Protein backbone atom coordinates (compact mmCIF):
# COMPACT_ATOMS: atom_id res chain seq x y z
CA MET A 1 0.00 0.00 0.00
CA SER A 2 1.24 3.47 -0.82
CA PRO A 3 1.97 6.05 1.89
CA ARG A 4 -1.06 7.99 0.69
CA GLY A 5 -3.19 4.90 1.21
CA TYR A 6 -2.05 4.58 4.82
CA ILE A 7 -2.79 8.26 5.39
CA GLU A 8 -6.31 7.84 3.98
CA ILE A 9 -6.96 4.89 6.28
CA MET A 10 -5.75 6.86 9.31
CA GLU A 11 -7.89 9.85 8.34
CA ASN A 12 -10.96 7.65 7.89
CA GLU A 13 -10.38 6.01 11.27
CA LEU A 14 -10.02 9.41 12.95
CA THR A 15 -13.21 10.70 11.38
CA GLY A 16 -15.03 7.51 12.37
CA GLY A 17 -13.84 7.77 15.97
CA ILE A 18 -14.95 11.39 16.22
CA ALA A 19 -18.31 10.50 14.66
CA GLN A 20 -18.86 7.77 17.28
CA ALA A 21 -18.00 10.18 20.09
CA LEU A 22 -20.32 12.76 18.57
CA VAL A 23 -23.22 10.29 18.58
CA ALA A 24 -22.56 9.42 22.23
CA VAL A 25 -22.50 13.07 23.27
CA SER A 26 -25.58 13.87 21.19
CA ASP A 27 -27.47 11.06 22.89
CA GLY A 28 -26.38 12.39 26.28
CA ILE A 29 -27.53 15.87 25.38
CA ASP A 30 -30.94 14.47 24.47
CA ARG A 31 -31.12 12.75 27.87
CA ALA A 32 -30.14 15.95 29.69
CA LEU A 33 -32.73 17.98 27.77
CA ALA A 34 -35.43 15.44 28.64
CA GLN A 35 -34.38 15.42 32.30
CA ALA A 36 -34.44 19.21 32.42
CA GLY A 37 -37.76 19.42 30.60
CA ARG A 38 -36.36 21.80 28.02
CA LYS A 39 -35.97 21.85 24.28
CA GLY A 40 -32.79 22.29 22.26
CA PRO A 41 -30.98 22.79 20.17
CA VAL A 42 -27.67 22.47 21.98
CA ARG A 43 -24.73 22.88 19.63
CA ILE A 44 -21.52 20.89 19.99
CA MET A 45 -18.31 22.87 19.55
CA ALA A 46 -15.13 20.91 18.91
CA VAL A 47 -12.27 22.54 20.82
CA THR A 48 -9.17 21.89 18.74
CA LYS A 49 -6.37 23.52 20.74
CA THR A 50 -3.05 21.74 19.94
CA HIS A 51 -4.71 19.54 17.33
CA PRO A 52 -3.46 19.87 13.74
CA ALA A 53 -5.58 21.08 10.86
CA SER A 54 -6.01 17.46 9.72
CA THR A 55 -7.86 16.68 12.96
CA VAL A 56 -10.07 19.73 12.50
CA ALA A 57 -10.82 18.52 8.97
CA ALA A 58 -11.71 15.08 10.36
CA ALA A 59 -14.07 16.67 12.87
CA ILE A 60 -15.78 18.61 10.11
CA ALA A 61 -16.05 15.45 8.02
CA ALA A 62 -17.64 13.73 11.04
CA GLY A 63 -20.41 16.31 11.04
CA ILE A 64 -19.16 19.05 13.38
CA ASP A 65 -19.62 22.55 12.03
CA LEU A 66 -18.58 24.57 15.09
CA ILE A 67 -14.88 24.84 15.93
CA GLY A 68 -13.37 26.57 18.96
CA GLU A 69 -9.77 27.71 19.23
CA ASN A 70 -7.97 29.06 22.30
CA ARG A 71 -5.07 30.80 20.57
CA VAL A 72 -5.35 33.36 17.81
CA SER A 73 -2.17 32.51 15.93
CA GLU A 74 -2.64 28.74 16.13
CA GLY A 75 -6.26 28.95 15.12
CA GLY A 76 -5.45 31.36 12.33
CA ARG A 77 -3.01 28.91 10.77
CA LYS A 78 -5.63 26.17 10.73
CA ILE A 79 -8.29 28.48 9.33
CA ALA A 80 -5.90 29.52 6.58
CA ALA A 81 -5.21 25.86 5.77
CA LEU A 82 -8.86 24.79 5.75
CA GLY A 83 -10.61 27.93 4.54
CA ARG A 84 -12.69 30.29 6.65
CA ASP A 85 -15.90 28.85 5.23
CA ALA A 86 -15.03 25.26 6.15
CA ALA A 87 -16.81 25.68 9.50
CA GLU A 88 -17.94 28.30 11.98
CA PHE A 89 -14.78 29.25 13.86
CA HIS A 90 -15.01 30.74 17.36
CA MET A 91 -12.25 32.30 19.44
CA ILE A 92 -12.75 31.02 22.99
CA GLY A 93 -9.44 31.87 24.67
CA PRO A 94 -8.28 35.13 26.25
CA LEU A 95 -7.23 37.88 23.86
CA HIS A 96 -4.48 40.45 24.08
CA ARG A 97 -5.32 43.78 22.51
CA GLY A 98 -2.66 43.25 19.86
CA GLU A 99 -4.41 40.04 18.74
CA VAL A 100 -7.82 41.61 18.15
CA ARG A 101 -7.15 42.55 14.53
CA GLN A 102 -6.33 38.97 13.52
CA ALA A 103 -9.11 37.52 15.64
CA CYS A 104 -11.68 39.75 13.95
CA ARG A 105 -10.29 38.84 10.54
CA ASP A 106 -10.19 35.08 11.02
CA PHE A 107 -13.00 34.14 13.40
CA GLN A 108 -16.76 34.41 12.94
CA SER A 109 -17.27 34.88 16.66
CA ILE A 110 -15.23 36.01 19.65
CA ASP A 111 -16.73 34.34 22.69
CA SER A 112 -14.17 35.46 25.27
CA ILE A 113 -14.79 39.20 25.74
CA ASP A 114 -13.53 39.52 29.31
CA ARG A 115 -12.42 43.16 29.56
CA GLU A 116 -13.77 46.48 28.38
CA VAL A 117 -10.56 47.27 26.51
CA ILE A 118 -11.05 44.13 24.40
CA LEU A 119 -14.71 44.97 23.82
CA GLU A 120 -13.74 48.44 22.60
CA ALA A 121 -10.98 47.08 20.35
CA VAL A 122 -13.35 44.56 18.75
CA ALA A 123 -15.95 47.29 18.24
CA ALA A 124 -13.33 49.46 16.54
CA ARG A 125 -12.44 46.66 14.12
CA ARG A 126 -16.12 46.01 13.41
CA ALA A 127 -16.58 49.67 12.60
CA MET A 128 -13.85 49.15 9.97
CA GLY A 129 -15.72 46.27 8.34
CA ALA A 130 -14.95 43.17 10.44
CA THR A 131 -18.09 41.29 11.43
CA PRO A 132 -17.53 38.85 14.31
CA SER A 133 -20.31 38.27 16.78
CA ILE A 134 -19.39 38.28 20.47
CA LEU A 135 -20.15 36.67 23.80
CA ILE A 136 -19.36 38.20 27.17
CA GLU A 137 -17.25 35.91 29.35
CA VAL A 138 -18.23 35.74 33.03
CA ASP A 139 -16.19 34.19 35.81
CA THR A 140 -18.77 32.14 37.71
CA ALA A 141 -16.13 30.35 39.81
CA PRO A 142 -14.41 33.19 41.69
CA GLY A 143 -11.16 32.32 43.36
CA GLU A 144 -9.98 29.88 40.70
CA GLY A 145 -8.17 32.49 38.63
CA LYS A 146 -10.37 32.20 35.56
CA HIS A 147 -10.91 34.90 32.97
CA GLY A 148 -14.11 36.89 32.72
CA PHE A 149 -16.09 39.72 34.22
CA PRO A 150 -17.28 39.10 37.78
CA PRO A 151 -20.89 37.89 38.03
CA ASP A 152 -22.13 41.33 39.09
CA PHE A 153 -25.58 42.19 37.73
CA ASP A 154 -25.12 45.99 37.55
CA LEU A 155 -21.68 45.67 35.96
CA LEU A 156 -22.88 43.22 33.33
CA CYS A 157 -25.89 45.37 32.49
CA ARG A 158 -23.48 48.23 31.87
CA ILE A 159 -21.17 46.07 29.76
CA VAL A 160 -24.01 44.72 27.64
CA ASP A 161 -25.44 48.21 27.15
CA ARG A 162 -21.96 49.49 26.27
CA ALA A 163 -21.46 46.73 23.72
CA ALA A 164 -24.80 47.51 22.07
CA ALA A 165 -23.95 51.22 21.96
CA LEU A 166 -20.63 50.37 20.27
CA GLY A 167 -22.43 48.37 17.59
CA VAL A 168 -21.49 44.90 18.86
CA PRO A 169 -24.53 43.69 20.82
CA PRO A 170 -23.58 40.39 22.45
CA ALA A 171 -25.40 37.20 21.57
CA GLY A 172 -25.09 36.01 25.16
CA PHE A 173 -22.52 34.80 27.67
CA MET A 174 -19.77 32.24 28.11
CA THR A 175 -18.33 30.72 31.28
CA VAL A 176 -15.92 28.00 32.38
CA GLY A 177 -17.22 25.83 35.19
CA PRO A 178 -15.36 25.30 38.47
CA LEU A 179 -12.53 22.81 38.73
CA ILE A 180 -13.46 21.76 42.26
CA GLY A 181 -16.69 20.95 44.04
CA GLY A 182 -18.06 18.27 41.74
CA LYS A 183 -21.31 18.21 39.83
CA GLU A 184 -23.27 20.33 42.30
CA ALA A 185 -20.71 23.13 42.11
CA SER A 186 -20.85 22.93 38.32
CA ARG A 187 -24.62 23.18 38.33
CA ARG A 188 -24.54 26.19 40.66
CA SER A 189 -22.02 27.91 38.39
CA PHE A 190 -24.10 27.29 35.27
CA ALA A 191 -27.38 28.21 36.97
CA LEU A 192 -25.77 31.48 38.05
CA LEU A 193 -24.90 32.35 34.45
CA ARG A 194 -28.41 31.45 33.27
CA ASP A 195 -29.91 33.67 35.95
CA ILE A 196 -27.57 36.52 35.02
CA ARG A 197 -28.48 36.15 31.35
CA ASP A 198 -32.19 36.24 32.12
CA ARG A 199 -31.96 39.24 34.44
CA VAL A 200 -29.61 41.25 32.23
CA GLY A 201 -31.77 40.53 29.20
CA ARG A 202 -34.87 41.82 30.98
CA ALA A 203 -33.08 44.90 32.31
CA THR A 204 -31.49 45.89 29.01
CA GLY A 205 -34.27 44.77 26.69
CA LEU A 206 -31.72 42.87 24.57
CA ASP A 207 -32.09 39.33 23.28
CA LEU A 208 -29.27 37.24 24.78
CA PRO A 209 -30.07 33.71 23.65
CA GLU A 210 -26.64 32.10 23.87
CA LEU A 211 -25.17 30.36 26.91
CA SER A 212 -21.84 28.77 26.03
CA MET A 213 -21.09 26.59 29.04
CA GLY A 214 -20.01 23.05 29.69
CA MET A 215 -16.82 21.24 28.72
CA SER A 216 -15.74 17.60 28.58
CA ASP A 217 -16.15 17.00 32.34
CA ASP A 218 -19.35 18.95 32.97
CA TRP A 219 -21.32 19.30 29.75
CA PHE A 220 -24.24 17.18 31.03
CA GLU A 221 -24.70 19.49 34.04
CA ALA A 222 -24.44 22.51 31.75
CA VAL A 223 -27.23 21.25 29.51
CA LEU A 224 -29.39 20.63 32.57
CA GLU A 225 -28.93 24.29 33.47
CA GLY A 226 -29.65 25.77 30.06
CA SER A 227 -26.50 25.61 27.94
CA THR A 228 -26.97 26.28 24.24
CA THR A 229 -23.39 25.33 23.28
CA VAL A 230 -21.04 22.83 24.88
CA ARG A 231 -17.32 23.08 24.16
CA LEU A 232 -15.69 19.66 23.90
CA GLY A 233 -12.13 18.59 23.34
CA ARG A 234 -11.27 15.37 25.17
CA ALA A 235 -14.84 14.05 24.90
CA LEU A 236 -14.46 14.04 21.11
CA PHE A 237 -10.74 13.52 20.51
CA GLY A 238 -9.38 11.79 23.60
CA GLU A 239 -6.42 13.18 25.52
CA ARG A 240 -4.38 15.89 23.82
CA SER A 241 -0.75 15.32 23.04
CA GLY A 242 0.16 18.70 24.49
CA LEU A 243 2.01 19.62 21.31
CA THR A 244 1.11 22.79 19.49
CA PRO A 245 0.89 22.30 15.69
């Protein structure tokens, strides 16, 4: 068999493995929705940090159309290799101000707006023709050193109003669940974000439908508490190698 033949077999096996994992997660999401008495949809985002473009392509071939990247430069290389229209690419990691230009150019959405200076920089790029949507990141697990605005109702009302005034009304919020405390702590964290979204939406009069919450260890609890997007790496791909492509 030629080297190309071996490569094709490996690619097919990777796509098949991701597809099987996707079915398992989708079934679990259906169970969580039924348990919560709520309707979907809940979108599955493949988080592809450290994975090469070939793995992203395999995920897309397996039926995933939502890709999350944590690093602007790494994600940008993969987007350039695959094409911006290959999937819906979201920036989910923290941004430095100097990275905003590339992030707005390459990604369809920036889900990790965690500081006003980043919000203002994204708004400035949008005024120049870039068109990413945004989510506001909230730290619902204080004390763990996570990124995001504190879960303060008055502050978040002001941030959402400010974003709308700048021409970048947020689609909703993103959070990372707590690392400690188990499932109950995760549910409290996610319920807090849902409550914030509901209250801020009523106060500002803005539609904030998106709740990006839940990762490989806590996505079921996130769906129970209202998640509209779960962000999965290990649950789809297995353990990462730790190597940056």
